[in-house]
C-alpha atoms as a PDB file:
ATOM      1  CA  UNK A   1      40.534 -64.192  17.515  1.00  0.00           C
ATOM      2  CA  UNK A   2      43.967 -64.168  15.928  1.00  0.00           C
ATOM      3  CA  UNK A   3      45.532 -67.642  15.942  1.00  0.00           C
ATOM      4  CA  UNK A   4      48.762 -67.580  17.917  1.00  0.00           C
ATOM      5  CA  UNK A   5      50.223 -70.839  16.650  1.00  0.00           C
ATOM      6  CA  UNK A   6      49.811 -73.674  14.182  1.00  0.00           C
ATOM      7  CA  UNK A   7      49.106 -73.855  10.466  1.00  0.00           C
ATOM      8  CA  UNK A   8      47.153 -70.590  10.280  1.00  0.00           C
ATOM      9  CA  UNK A   9      49.264 -68.587  12.723  1.00  0.00           C
ATOM     10  CA  UNK A  10      48.506 -64.822  12.814  1.00  0.00           C
ATOM     11  CA  UNK A  11      45.254 -65.216  10.836  1.00  0.00           C
ATOM     12  CA  UNK A  12      42.082 -63.713  12.305  1.00  0.00           C
ATOM     13  CA  UNK A  13      39.119 -66.077  12.589  1.00  0.00           C
ATOM     14  CA  UNK A  14      35.505 -65.984  13.657  1.00  0.00           C
ATOM     15  CA  UNK A  15      35.755 -67.857  16.944  1.00  0.00           C
ATOM     16  CA  UNK A  16      33.137 -70.195  18.423  1.00  0.00           C
ATOM     17  CA  UNK A  17      33.178 -71.481  21.978  1.00  0.00           C
ATOM     18  CA  UNK A  18      31.858 -71.078  25.526  1.00  0.00           C
ATOM     19  CA  UNK A  19      31.960 -67.580  26.954  1.00  0.00           C
ATOM     20  CA  UNK A  20      33.802 -68.712  30.076  1.00  0.00           C
ATOM     21  CA  UNK A  21      36.454 -71.198  29.003  1.00  0.00           C
ATOM     22  CA  UNK A  22      37.335 -71.969  32.635  1.00  0.00           C
ATOM     23  CA  UNK A  23      33.809 -73.053  33.596  1.00  0.00           C
ATOM     24  CA  UNK A  24      33.074 -76.673  32.636  1.00  0.00           C
ATOM     25  CA  UNK A  25      29.371 -76.029  33.182  1.00  0.00           C
ATOM     26  CA  UNK A  26      29.154 -72.980  30.920  1.00  0.00           C
ATOM     27  CA  UNK A  27      26.770 -73.990  28.132  1.00  0.00           C
ATOM     28  CA  UNK A  28      26.729 -70.630  26.387  1.00  0.00           C
ATOM     29  CA  UNK A  29      28.116 -71.164  22.917  1.00  0.00           C
ATOM     30  CA  UNK A  30      28.403 -68.429  20.336  1.00  0.00           C
ATOM     31  CA  UNK A  31      30.791 -66.199  18.414  1.00  0.00           C
ATOM     32  CA  UNK A  32      33.253 -64.719  20.859  1.00  0.00           C
ATOM     33  CA  UNK A  33      36.233 -62.425  20.663  1.00  0.00           C
ATOM     34  CA  UNK A  34      36.949 -62.658  24.374  1.00  0.00           C
ATOM     35  CA  UNK A  35      39.619 -65.392  24.339  1.00  0.00           C
ATOM     36  CA  UNK A  36      43.115 -63.996  24.030  1.00  0.00           C
ATOM     37  CA  UNK A  37      45.685 -65.258  21.585  1.00  0.00           C
ATOM     38  CA  UNK A  38      47.290 -67.184  24.441  1.00  0.00           C
ATOM     39  CA  UNK A  39      44.138 -69.292  24.677  1.00  0.00           C
ATOM     40  CA  UNK A  40      43.871 -69.978  20.956  1.00  0.00           C
ATOM     41  CA  UNK A  41      45.271 -73.465  21.448  1.00  0.00           C
ATOM     42  CA  UNK A  42      41.917 -74.416  22.954  1.00  0.00           C
ATOM     43  CA  UNK A  43      40.456 -73.897  19.478  1.00  0.00           C
ATOM     44  CA  UNK A  44      41.066 -75.558  16.122  1.00  0.00           C
ATOM     45  CA  UNK A  45      40.792 -74.054  12.664  1.00  0.00           C
ATOM     46  CA  UNK A  46      38.158 -75.928  10.686  1.00  0.00           C
ATOM     47  CA  UNK A  47      36.605 -75.932   7.224  1.00  0.00           C
ATOM     48  CA  UNK A  48      32.899 -76.036   8.265  1.00  0.00           C
ATOM     49  CA  UNK A  49      32.107 -78.595   5.552  1.00  0.00           C
ATOM     50  CA  UNK A  50      34.131 -81.693   6.354  1.00  0.00           C
ATOM     51  CA  UNK A  51      36.810 -82.783   3.889  1.00  0.00           C
ATOM     52  CA  UNK A  52      36.010 -86.370   4.964  1.00  0.00           C
ATOM     53  CA  UNK A  53      32.571 -85.992   3.371  1.00  0.00           C
ATOM     54  CA  UNK A  54      34.082 -85.457  -0.075  1.00  0.00           C
ATOM     55  CA  UNK A  55      36.547 -88.299   0.471  1.00  0.00           C
ATOM     56  CA  UNK A  56      33.688 -90.519   1.637  1.00  0.00           C
ATOM     57  CA  UNK A  57      31.635 -89.634  -1.435  1.00  0.00           C
ATOM     58  CA  UNK A  58      34.443 -90.590  -3.812  1.00  0.00           C
ATOM     59  CA  UNK A  59      34.892 -93.887  -1.975  1.00  0.00           C
ATOM     60  CA  UNK A  60      31.131 -94.455  -2.025  1.00  0.00           C
ATOM     61  CA  UNK A  61      30.669 -93.991  -5.767  1.00  0.00           C
ATOM     62  CA  UNK A  62      33.669 -96.262  -6.313  1.00  0.00           C
ATOM     63  CA  UNK A  63      32.009 -98.823  -4.021  1.00  0.00           C
ATOM     64  CA  UNK A  64      35.011 -98.816  -1.676  1.00  0.00           C
ATOM     65  CA  UNK A  65      34.796 -99.354   2.079  1.00  0.00           C
ATOM     66  CA  UNK A  66      31.017 -99.661   2.065  1.00  0.00           C
ATOM     67  CA  UNK A  67      28.957-100.866   5.027  1.00  0.00           C
ATOM     68  CA  UNK A  68      25.306-100.931   6.031  1.00  0.00           C
ATOM     69  CA  UNK A  69      25.325 -97.202   6.768  1.00  0.00           C
ATOM     70  CA  UNK A  70      27.003 -96.032   3.577  1.00  0.00           C
ATOM     71  CA  UNK A  71      25.180 -98.379   1.226  1.00  0.00           C
ATOM     72  CA  UNK A  72      25.944 -99.585  -2.273  1.00  0.00           C
ATOM     73  CA  UNK A  73      27.247 -97.299  -5.002  1.00  0.00           C
ATOM     74  CA  UNK A  74      24.703 -96.368  -7.703  1.00  0.00           C
ATOM     75  CA  UNK A  75      27.427 -97.240 -10.225  1.00  0.00           C
ATOM     76  CA  UNK A  76      27.811-100.899  -9.276  1.00  0.00           C
ATOM     77  CA  UNK A  77      27.916-102.897 -12.518  1.00  0.00           C
ATOM     78  CA  UNK A  78      28.355 -99.750 -14.623  1.00  0.00           C
ATOM     79  CA  UNK A  79      30.554-100.089 -17.704  1.00  0.00           C
ATOM     80  CA  UNK A  80      31.006 -98.446 -21.076  1.00  0.00           C
ATOM     81  CA  UNK A  81      32.962 -98.838 -24.288  1.00  0.00           C
ATOM     82  CA  UNK A  82      36.651 -98.410 -23.489  1.00  0.00           C
ATOM     83  CA  UNK A  83      37.795 -94.916 -24.594  1.00  0.00           C
ATOM     84  CA  UNK A  84      41.444 -95.365 -23.525  1.00  0.00           C
ATOM     85  CA  UNK A  85      44.231 -95.049 -26.046  1.00  0.00           C
ATOM     86  CA  UNK A  86      47.613 -96.415 -25.041  1.00  0.00           C
ATOM     87  CA  UNK A  87      48.012 -94.563 -21.740  1.00  0.00           C
ATOM     88  CA  UNK A  88      49.231 -95.943 -18.443  1.00  0.00           C
ATOM     89  CA  UNK A  89      49.794 -99.498 -19.592  1.00  0.00           C
ATOM     90  CA  UNK A  90      48.367-101.870 -17.030  1.00  0.00           C
ATOM     91  CA  UNK A  91      46.175 -99.270 -15.317  1.00  0.00           C
ATOM     92  CA  UNK A  92      43.307 -99.426 -17.809  1.00  0.00           C
ATOM     93  CA  UNK A  93      43.336-102.908 -19.250  1.00  0.00           C
ATOM     94  CA  UNK A  94      43.041-103.415 -22.983  1.00  0.00           C
ATOM     95  CA  UNK A  95      39.418-104.503 -23.250  1.00  0.00           C
ATOM     96  CA  UNK A  96      36.277-103.608 -25.125  1.00  0.00           C
ATOM     97  CA  UNK A  97      34.654-102.148 -22.024  1.00  0.00           C
ATOM     98  CA  UNK A  98      35.831-100.086 -19.072  1.00  0.00           C
ATOM     99  CA  UNK A  99      34.390-100.197 -15.543  1.00  0.00           C
ATOM    100  CA  UNK A 100      33.378 -97.207 -13.453  1.00  0.00           C
ATOM    101  CA  UNK A 101      36.519 -96.857 -11.317  1.00  0.00           C
ATOM    102  CA  UNK A 102      38.847 -97.039 -14.317  1.00  0.00           C
ATOM    103  CA  UNK A 103      36.637 -94.559 -16.173  1.00  0.00           C
ATOM    104  CA  UNK A 104      36.819 -92.161 -13.223  1.00  0.00           C
ATOM    105  CA  UNK A 105      40.575 -92.598 -13.060  1.00  0.00           C
ATOM    106  CA  UNK A 106      40.933 -91.877 -16.784  1.00  0.00           C
ATOM    107  CA  UNK A 107      38.977 -88.618 -16.666  1.00  0.00           C
ATOM    108  CA  UNK A 108      39.046 -87.401 -13.073  1.00  0.00           C
ATOM    109  CA  UNK A 109      42.563 -88.418 -12.040  1.00  0.00           C
ATOM    110  CA  UNK A 110      44.643 -88.833 -15.196  1.00  0.00           C
ATOM    111  CA  UNK A 111      43.497 -85.820 -17.217  1.00  0.00           C
ATOM    112  CA  UNK A 112      45.013 -82.543 -16.004  1.00  0.00           C
ATOM    113  CA  UNK A 113      43.670 -79.124 -16.915  1.00  0.00           C
ATOM    114  CA  UNK A 114      43.933 -75.523 -15.758  1.00  0.00           C
ATOM    115  CA  UNK A 115      41.188 -74.136 -13.545  1.00  0.00           C
ATOM    116  CA  UNK A 116      41.344 -70.925 -11.505  1.00  0.00           C
ATOM    117  CA  UNK A 117      45.051 -70.631 -12.205  1.00  0.00           C
ATOM    118  CA  UNK A 118      45.983 -74.149 -11.143  1.00  0.00           C
ATOM    119  CA  UNK A 119      46.745 -77.123 -13.390  1.00  0.00           C
ATOM    120  CA  UNK A 120      45.807 -80.434 -11.799  1.00  0.00           C
ATOM    121  CA  UNK A 121      43.315 -83.277 -11.973  1.00  0.00           C
ATOM    122  CA  UNK A 122      39.564 -82.808 -11.575  1.00  0.00           C
ATOM    123  CA  UNK A 123      39.629 -84.556  -8.184  1.00  0.00           C
ATOM    124  CA  UNK A 124      42.266 -82.117  -6.950  1.00  0.00           C
ATOM    125  CA  UNK A 125      40.196 -79.192  -8.234  1.00  0.00           C
ATOM    126  CA  UNK A 126      37.282 -80.586  -6.195  1.00  0.00           C
ATOM    127  CA  UNK A 127      39.491 -80.752  -3.135  1.00  0.00           C
ATOM    128  CA  UNK A 128      40.371 -77.062  -3.520  1.00  0.00           C
ATOM    129  CA  UNK A 129      36.679 -76.180  -3.345  1.00  0.00           C
ATOM    130  CA  UNK A 130      37.047 -76.645   0.415  1.00  0.00           C
ATOM    131  CA  UNK A 131      38.895 -73.821   2.260  1.00  0.00           C
ATOM    132  CA  UNK A 132      42.653 -74.171   2.247  1.00  0.00           C
ATOM    133  CA  UNK A 133      45.858 -72.101   2.280  1.00  0.00           C
ATOM    134  CA  UNK A 134      45.187 -70.641  -1.164  1.00  0.00           C
ATOM    135  CA  UNK A 135      41.408 -70.410  -1.575  1.00  0.00           C
ATOM    136  CA  UNK A 136      38.426 -69.373   0.549  1.00  0.00           C
ATOM    137  CA  UNK A 137      40.461 -68.835   3.722  1.00  0.00           C
ATOM    138  CA  UNK A 138      37.844 -66.312   4.848  1.00  0.00           C
ATOM    139  CA  UNK A 139      35.434 -69.231   5.330  1.00  0.00           C
ATOM    140  CA  UNK A 140      37.650 -70.964   7.890  1.00  0.00           C
ATOM    141  CA  UNK A 141      36.463 -70.807  11.499  1.00  0.00           C
ATOM    142  CA  UNK A 142      38.034 -71.338  14.906  1.00  0.00           C
ATOM    143  CA  UNK A 143      36.018 -73.901  16.832  1.00  0.00           C
ATOM    144  CA  UNK A 144      36.329 -75.123  20.416  1.00  0.00           C
ATOM    145  CA  UNK A 145      38.580 -78.171  20.033  1.00  0.00           C
ATOM    146  CA  UNK A 146      36.301 -80.655  21.793  1.00  0.00           C
ATOM    147  CA  UNK A 147      33.384 -79.634  19.593  1.00  0.00           C
ATOM    148  CA  UNK A 148      35.515 -79.893  16.463  1.00  0.00           C
ATOM    149  CA  UNK A 149      36.582 -83.449  17.282  1.00  0.00           C
ATOM    150  CA  UNK A 150      32.981 -84.526  17.819  1.00  0.00           C
ATOM    151  CA  UNK A 151      31.836 -82.715  14.674  1.00  0.00           C
ATOM    152  CA  UNK A 152      34.303 -84.689  12.562  1.00  0.00           C
ATOM    153  CA  UNK A 153      32.894 -87.985  13.824  1.00  0.00           C
ATOM    154  CA  UNK A 154      29.332 -86.898  13.034  1.00  0.00           C
ATOM    155  CA  UNK A 155      30.093 -86.554   9.328  1.00  0.00           C
ATOM    156  CA  UNK A 156      31.748 -89.951   9.006  1.00  0.00           C
ATOM    157  CA  UNK A 157      29.165 -92.185   7.357  1.00  0.00           C
ATOM    158  CA  UNK A 158      31.042 -95.427   8.010  1.00  0.00           C
ATOM    159  CA  UNK A 159      29.701 -97.157  11.128  1.00  0.00           C
ATOM    160  CA  UNK A 160      33.177 -97.706  12.562  1.00  0.00           C
ATOM    161  CA  UNK A 161      33.353 -93.958  13.280  1.00  0.00           C
ATOM    162  CA  UNK A 162      31.376 -93.078  16.396  1.00  0.00           C
ATOM    163  CA  UNK A 163      30.975 -90.011  18.578  1.00  0.00           C
ATOM    164  CA  UNK A 164      32.322 -92.214  21.370  1.00  0.00           C
ATOM    165  CA  UNK A 165      32.217 -95.987  21.451  1.00  0.00           C
ATOM    166  CA  UNK A 166      29.721 -97.449  23.894  1.00  0.00           C
ATOM    167  CA  UNK A 167      32.544 -99.235  25.729  1.00  0.00           C
ATOM    168  CA  UNK A 168      34.332 -95.912  26.144  1.00  0.00           C
ATOM    169  CA  UNK A 169      31.303 -94.189  27.634  1.00  0.00           C
ATOM    170  CA  UNK A 170      30.706 -97.159  29.920  1.00  0.00           C
ATOM    171  CA  UNK A 171      34.326 -97.015  31.064  1.00  0.00           C
ATOM    172  CA  UNK A 172      33.886 -93.352  31.988  1.00  0.00           C
ATOM    173  CA  UNK A 173      30.870 -94.135  34.135  1.00  0.00           C
ATOM    174  CA  UNK A 174      32.629 -97.120  35.699  1.00  0.00           C
ATOM    175  CA  UNK A 175      35.667 -95.061  36.705  1.00  0.00           C
ATOM    176  CA  UNK A 176      38.213 -96.769  34.469  1.00  0.00           C
ATOM    177  CA  UNK A 177      41.844 -96.281  35.516  1.00  0.00           C
ATOM    178  CA  UNK A 178      44.630 -95.960  32.940  1.00  0.00           C
ATOM    179  CA  UNK A 179      48.013 -95.396  34.516  1.00  0.00           C
ATOM    180  CA  UNK A 180      47.677 -92.386  36.793  1.00  0.00           C
ATOM    181  CA  UNK A 181      44.501 -91.219  35.040  1.00  0.00           C
ATOM    182  CA  UNK A 182      41.109 -92.143  36.430  1.00  0.00           C
ATOM    183  CA  UNK A 183      38.119 -91.487  34.198  1.00  0.00           C
ATOM    184  CA  UNK A 184      34.713 -90.684  35.614  1.00  0.00           C
ATOM    185  CA  UNK A 185      31.294 -89.259  34.842  1.00  0.00           C
ATOM    186  CA  UNK A 186      32.856 -85.839  34.243  1.00  0.00           C
ATOM    187  CA  UNK A 187      34.497 -87.218  31.104  1.00  0.00           C
ATOM    188  CA  UNK A 188      31.135 -88.465  29.846  1.00  0.00           C
ATOM    189  CA  UNK A 189      29.531 -85.095  30.588  1.00  0.00           C
ATOM    190  CA  UNK A 190      32.288 -83.301  28.695  1.00  0.00           C
ATOM    191  CA  UNK A 191      31.653 -85.436  25.594  1.00  0.00           C
ATOM    192  CA  UNK A 192      27.932 -84.638  25.732  1.00  0.00           C
ATOM    193  CA  UNK A 193      28.621 -80.942  26.254  1.00  0.00           C
ATOM    194  CA  UNK A 194      30.991 -80.880  23.276  1.00  0.00           C
ATOM    195  CA  UNK A 195      28.411 -82.671  21.127  1.00  0.00           C
ATOM    196  CA  UNK A 196      25.768 -80.075  21.932  1.00  0.00           C
ATOM    197  CA  UNK A 197      28.323 -77.364  21.169  1.00  0.00           C
ATOM    198  CA  UNK A 198      29.131 -78.950  17.790  1.00  0.00           C
ATOM    199  CA  UNK A 199      25.500 -79.159  16.730  1.00  0.00           C
ATOM    200  CA  UNK A 200      24.656 -75.682  18.028  1.00  0.00           C
ATOM    201  CA  UNK A 201      27.566 -74.416  15.957  1.00  0.00           C
ATOM    202  CA  UNK A 202      26.150 -76.083  12.836  1.00  0.00           C
ATOM    203  CA  UNK A 203      22.677 -74.737  13.646  1.00  0.00           C
ATOM    204  CA  UNK A 204      23.948 -71.145  13.513  1.00  0.00           C
ATOM    205  CA  UNK A 205      22.601 -69.429  10.357  1.00  0.00           C
ATOM    206  CA  UNK A 206      26.000 -68.057   9.332  1.00  0.00           C
ATOM    207  CA  UNK A 207      27.653 -71.474   9.664  1.00  0.00           C
ATOM    208  CA  UNK A 208      24.816 -73.193   7.796  1.00  0.00           C
ATOM    209  CA  UNK A 209      25.269 -70.744   4.931  1.00  0.00           C
ATOM    210  CA  UNK A 210      28.996 -71.452   4.727  1.00  0.00           C
ATOM    211  CA  UNK A 211      28.416 -75.211   4.861  1.00  0.00           C
ATOM    212  CA  UNK A 212      25.923 -75.045   2.009  1.00  0.00           C
ATOM    213  CA  UNK A 213      28.157 -72.704  -0.005  1.00  0.00           C
ATOM    214  CA  UNK A 214      31.025 -75.170   0.194  1.00  0.00           C
ATOM    215  CA  UNK A 215      28.890 -78.212  -0.670  1.00  0.00           C
ATOM    216  CA  UNK A 216      27.278 -76.284  -3.523  1.00  0.00           C
ATOM    217  CA  UNK A 217      30.699 -75.273  -4.831  1.00  0.00           C
ATOM    218  CA  UNK A 218      31.586 -78.954  -5.171  1.00  0.00           C
ATOM    219  CA  UNK A 219      28.211 -79.654  -6.808  1.00  0.00           C
ATOM    220  CA  UNK A 220      28.803 -76.936  -9.379  1.00  0.00           C
ATOM    221  CA  UNK A 221      32.317 -78.169 -10.123  1.00  0.00           C
ATOM    222  CA  UNK A 222      31.108 -81.719 -10.649  1.00  0.00           C
ATOM    223  CA  UNK A 223      28.604 -80.449 -13.210  1.00  0.00           C
ATOM    224  CA  UNK A 224      31.040 -77.987 -14.762  1.00  0.00           C
ATOM    225  CA  UNK A 225      33.787 -80.565 -15.229  1.00  0.00           C
ATOM    226  CA  UNK A 226      31.420 -83.120 -16.740  1.00  0.00           C
ATOM    227  CA  UNK A 227      30.160 -80.530 -19.232  1.00  0.00           C
ATOM    228  CA  UNK A 228      33.759 -79.568 -20.012  1.00  0.00           C
ATOM    229  CA  UNK A 229      34.760 -83.187 -20.645  1.00  0.00           C
ATOM    230  CA  UNK A 230      31.854 -83.596 -23.071  1.00  0.00           C
ATOM    231  CA  UNK A 231      32.823 -80.409 -24.942  1.00  0.00           C
ATOM    232  CA  UNK A 232      36.432 -81.536 -25.253  1.00  0.00           C
ATOM    233  CA  UNK A 233      35.242 -84.396 -27.437  1.00  0.00           C
ATOM    234  CA  UNK A 234      38.030 -86.651 -28.633  1.00  0.00           C
ATOM    235  CA  UNK A 235      41.378 -85.817 -27.051  1.00  0.00           C
ATOM    236  CA  UNK A 236      44.529 -86.982 -28.811  1.00  0.00           C
ATOM    237  CA  UNK A 237      46.342 -89.715 -26.895  1.00  0.00           C
ATOM    238  CA  UNK A 238      43.565 -89.831 -24.316  1.00  0.00           C
ATOM    239  CA  UNK A 239      40.192 -90.961 -25.619  1.00  0.00           C
ATOM    240  CA  UNK A 240      38.614 -92.093 -28.860  1.00  0.00           C
ATOM    241  CA  UNK A 241      35.057 -91.537 -27.692  1.00  0.00           C
ATOM    242  CA  UNK A 242      33.292 -88.535 -26.181  1.00  0.00           C
ATOM    243  CA  UNK A 243      32.917 -88.475 -22.397  1.00  0.00           C
ATOM    244  CA  UNK A 244      29.620 -89.885 -21.144  1.00  0.00           C
ATOM    245  CA  UNK A 245      28.102 -87.892 -18.277  1.00  0.00           C
ATOM    246  CA  UNK A 246      27.657 -89.714 -14.991  1.00  0.00           C
ATOM    247  CA  UNK A 247      25.426 -87.111 -13.289  1.00  0.00           C
ATOM    248  CA  UNK A 248      27.831 -86.967 -10.370  1.00  0.00           C
ATOM    249  CA  UNK A 249      26.364 -83.663  -9.199  1.00  0.00           C
ATOM    250  CA  UNK A 250      22.986 -85.272  -8.573  1.00  0.00           C
ATOM    251  CA  UNK A 251      24.602 -88.115  -6.655  1.00  0.00           C
ATOM    252  CA  UNK A 252      26.569 -85.574  -4.624  1.00  0.00           C
ATOM    253  CA  UNK A 253      23.377 -83.795  -3.582  1.00  0.00           C
ATOM    254  CA  UNK A 254      21.870 -87.098  -2.461  1.00  0.00           C
ATOM    255  CA  UNK A 255      25.044 -87.936  -0.553  1.00  0.00           C
ATOM    256  CA  UNK A 256      25.089 -84.621   1.317  1.00  0.00           C
ATOM    257  CA  UNK A 257      21.437 -84.813   2.287  1.00  0.00           C
ATOM    258  CA  UNK A 258      21.738 -88.402   3.464  1.00  0.00           C
ATOM    259  CA  UNK A 259      24.905 -87.540   5.391  1.00  0.00           C
ATOM    260  CA  UNK A 260      22.940 -84.885   7.276  1.00  0.00           C
ATOM    261  CA  UNK A 261      20.211 -87.420   8.098  1.00  0.00           C
ATOM    262  CA  UNK A 262      22.816 -89.863   9.426  1.00  0.00           C
ATOM    263  CA  UNK A 263      24.599 -87.163  11.460  1.00  0.00           C
ATOM    264  CA  UNK A 264      21.371 -85.778  12.910  1.00  0.00           C
ATOM    265  CA  UNK A 265      20.049 -89.213  13.822  1.00  0.00           C
ATOM    266  CA  UNK A 266      23.399 -90.088  15.380  1.00  0.00           C
ATOM    267  CA  UNK A 267      23.612 -87.005  17.594  1.00  0.00           C
ATOM    268  CA  UNK A 268      20.012 -87.206  18.791  1.00  0.00           C
ATOM    269  CA  UNK A 269      20.283 -90.879  19.708  1.00  0.00           C
ATOM    270  CA  UNK A 270      23.616 -90.399  21.484  1.00  0.00           C
ATOM    271  CA  UNK A 271      22.444 -87.457  23.573  1.00  0.00           C
ATOM    272  CA  UNK A 272      19.146 -89.050  24.511  1.00  0.00           C
ATOM    273  CA  UNK A 273      20.743 -92.348  25.506  1.00  0.00           C
ATOM    274  CA  UNK A 274      23.586 -91.061  27.629  1.00  0.00           C
ATOM    275  CA  UNK A 275      21.962 -88.012  29.208  1.00  0.00           C
ATOM    276  CA  UNK A 276      18.978 -90.122  30.227  1.00  0.00           C
ATOM    277  CA  UNK A 277      21.340 -92.733  31.635  1.00  0.00           C
ATOM    278  CA  UNK A 278      23.412 -90.219  33.606  1.00  0.00           C
ATOM    279  CA  UNK A 279      20.335 -88.365  34.835  1.00  0.00           C
ATOM    280  CA  UNK A 280      18.804 -91.593  36.132  1.00  0.00           C
ATOM    281  CA  UNK A 281      21.989 -92.742  37.853  1.00  0.00           C
ATOM    282  CA  UNK A 282      22.930 -89.438  39.469  1.00  0.00           C
ATOM    283  CA  UNK A 283      19.639 -87.610  39.968  1.00  0.00           C
ATOM    284  CA  UNK A 284      17.115 -90.423  40.104  1.00  0.00           C
ATOM    285  CA  UNK A 285      13.438 -89.506  39.997  1.00  0.00           C
ATOM    286  CA  UNK A 286      11.609 -86.872  42.031  1.00  0.00           C
ATOM    287  CA  UNK A 287      10.572 -89.347  44.729  1.00  0.00           C
ATOM    288  CA  UNK A 288      14.185 -90.446  45.236  1.00  0.00           C
ATOM    289  CA  UNK A 289      15.363 -86.852  45.505  1.00  0.00           C
ATOM    290  CA  UNK A 290      12.711 -85.809  48.014  1.00  0.00           C
ATOM    291  CA  UNK A 291      13.279 -88.920  50.114  1.00  0.00           C
ATOM    292  CA  UNK A 292      17.036 -88.914  50.382  1.00  0.00           C
ATOM    293  CA  UNK A 293      18.551 -85.756  48.921  1.00  0.00           C
ATOM    294  CA  UNK A 294      22.124 -85.991  47.725  1.00  0.00           C
ATOM    295  CA  UNK A 295      22.854 -89.135  49.744  1.00  0.00           C
ATOM    296  CA  UNK A 296      20.020 -91.090  48.109  1.00  0.00           C
ATOM    297  CA  UNK A 297      22.109 -91.540  44.986  1.00  0.00           C
ATOM    298  CA  UNK A 298      24.618 -93.681  46.863  1.00  0.00           C
ATOM    299  CA  UNK A 299      24.856 -97.456  46.707  1.00  0.00           C
ATOM    300  CA  UNK A 300      21.935 -99.718  47.567  1.00  0.00           C
ATOM    301  CA  UNK A 301      23.331-100.590  50.988  1.00  0.00           C
ATOM    302  CA  UNK A 302      23.327 -96.911  51.956  1.00  0.00           C
ATOM    303  CA  UNK A 303      27.052 -96.263  51.760  1.00  0.00           C
ATOM    304  CA  UNK A 304      28.405 -93.205  50.013  1.00  0.00           C
ATOM    305  CA  UNK A 305      29.167 -93.795  46.332  1.00  0.00           C
ATOM    306  CA  UNK A 306      31.525 -90.842  46.043  1.00  0.00           C
ATOM    307  CA  UNK A 307      34.193 -92.846  44.236  1.00  0.00           C
ATOM    308  CA  UNK A 308      31.737 -94.128  41.636  1.00  0.00           C
ATOM    309  CA  UNK A 309      29.894 -90.893  40.904  1.00  0.00           C
ATOM    310  CA  UNK A 310      32.803 -88.509  41.298  1.00  0.00           C
ATOM    311  CA  UNK A 311      35.496 -90.639  39.793  1.00  0.00           C
ATOM    312  CA  UNK A 312      38.059 -89.757  42.489  1.00  0.00           C
ATOM    313  CA  UNK A 313      38.806 -90.420  46.149  1.00  0.00           C
ATOM    314  CA  UNK A 314      36.705 -87.968  48.135  1.00  0.00           C
ATOM    315  CA  UNK A 315      38.752 -88.484  51.256  1.00  0.00           C
ATOM    316  CA  UNK A 316      37.445 -88.863  54.790  1.00  0.00           C
ATOM    317  CA  UNK A 317      33.998 -87.325  55.061  1.00  0.00           C
ATOM    318  CA  UNK A 318      34.166 -85.921  51.544  1.00  0.00           C
ATOM    319  CA  UNK A 319      31.862 -88.351  49.747  1.00  0.00           C
ATOM    320  CA  UNK A 320      28.639 -86.359  50.132  1.00  0.00           C
ATOM    321  CA  UNK A 321      30.277 -83.082  49.121  1.00  0.00           C
ATOM    322  CA  UNK A 322      31.777 -84.663  46.006  1.00  0.00           C
ATOM    323  CA  UNK A 323      28.489 -86.333  45.180  1.00  0.00           C
ATOM    324  CA  UNK A 324      26.685 -83.002  45.401  1.00  0.00           C
ATOM    325  CA  UNK A 325      29.140 -81.373  43.008  1.00  0.00           C
ATOM    326  CA  UNK A 326      28.557 -84.162  40.513  1.00  0.00           C
ATOM    327  CA  UNK A 327      24.799 -83.802  40.925  1.00  0.00           C
ATOM    328  CA  UNK A 328      25.121 -80.096  40.173  1.00  0.00           C
ATOM    329  CA  UNK A 329      27.080 -80.879  36.996  1.00  0.00           C
ATOM    330  CA  UNK A 330      24.502 -83.447  35.929  1.00  0.00           C
ATOM    331  CA  UNK A 331      21.660 -81.012  36.605  1.00  0.00           C
ATOM    332  CA  UNK A 332      23.409 -78.359  34.508  1.00  0.00           C
ATOM    333  CA  UNK A 333      23.756 -80.906  31.696  1.00  0.00           C
ATOM    334  CA  UNK A 334      20.090 -81.893  31.893  1.00  0.00           C
ATOM    335  CA  UNK A 335      18.938 -78.263  31.917  1.00  0.00           C
ATOM    336  CA  UNK A 336      21.144 -77.436  28.932  1.00  0.00           C
ATOM    337  CA  UNK A 337      19.806 -80.460  27.054  1.00  0.00           C
ATOM    338  CA  UNK A 338      16.186 -79.441  27.607  1.00  0.00           C
ATOM    339  CA  UNK A 339      16.994 -76.011  26.181  1.00  0.00           C
ATOM    340  CA  UNK A 340      18.993 -77.555  23.338  1.00  0.00           C
ATOM    341  CA  UNK A 341      16.058 -79.681  22.158  1.00  0.00           C
ATOM    342  CA  UNK A 342      13.876 -76.616  21.621  1.00  0.00           C
ATOM    343  CA  UNK A 343      15.745 -75.711  18.419  1.00  0.00           C
ATOM    344  CA  UNK A 344      16.165 -78.714  16.094  1.00  0.00           C
ATOM    345  CA  UNK A 345      19.073 -78.927  13.677  1.00  0.00           C
ATOM    346  CA  UNK A 346      17.640 -78.686  10.168  1.00  0.00           C
ATOM    347  CA  UNK A 347      19.093 -79.787   6.826  1.00  0.00           C
ATOM    348  CA  UNK A 348      21.727 -77.244   5.700  1.00  0.00           C
ATOM    349  CA  UNK A 349      21.717 -78.504   2.102  1.00  0.00           C
ATOM    350  CA  UNK A 350      18.836 -76.562   0.573  1.00  0.00           C
ATOM    351  CA  UNK A 351      19.156 -77.208  -3.152  1.00  0.00           C
ATOM    352  CA  UNK A 352      15.367 -77.455  -3.503  1.00  0.00           C
END
């Protein structure tokens, strides 16, 4: 598809989404050239490997914003003889030793050098390893917007980032009203559908290759820059002592692999919890279905629960019809989930 608007307007992308964009129960998800440019707003350009993962790694090694999920930096307590010589007064304090974050700032933020035609800091050169306006634009993809939003949350290691908060999912099932908008089970189903889309996208061999290529590019730059710093030796007005390698590339590999484990665990638990919950509430078990059909999923006193299951006013005599439509959506979700589980999402970071 050629993007019709936005940052990458008029660029042609490999496009991922459902075959029928008008059918909320279409669980086909693959490369498609069917959508016209007019429908490109339903898709978002995306990097494949998440920029937030690199940002999270840099925060992690600096021991910033940690929590029980991210864990403690391997460089906690690290220090070395201070190599700074009269630069940025107040930034690197005059002391015999320098701590990890100041050491990183001195070499990875303060020192600028030319690489691939650009002069900037090492951290900025790492950032440009991920597709952008100037490099690797051929790796950018167009992804169904709902799937892209969910995908971003999967790669956030910090526990405050969730696919959807439990309270939010509960509010969907409870029919929460905000202004003129009433949420319902359809909103919960859409989240689950988008999550399966996001993971199926990352399961695709071509996407897995791109994701690894981008992560490996960062790994190679981490190693390359550390070797370069060592070879530079003593730099006038910068350092009196030779750079000491931190083995950041090895830590990056560990970070990527653990991030996959967290993301995979997160998506499996979320799908299992909420699909099981919705299936139980709207389909019941086989005995319930055979005993009461569509109406058996109503309230305990036998009244129609159209408002609760459908999330809207069914109108006079419309409760059973609405309930049946919801049951059909739930059944489509359950069937898609059973098929989805047959092909597990495996680690894309194969450095072994």
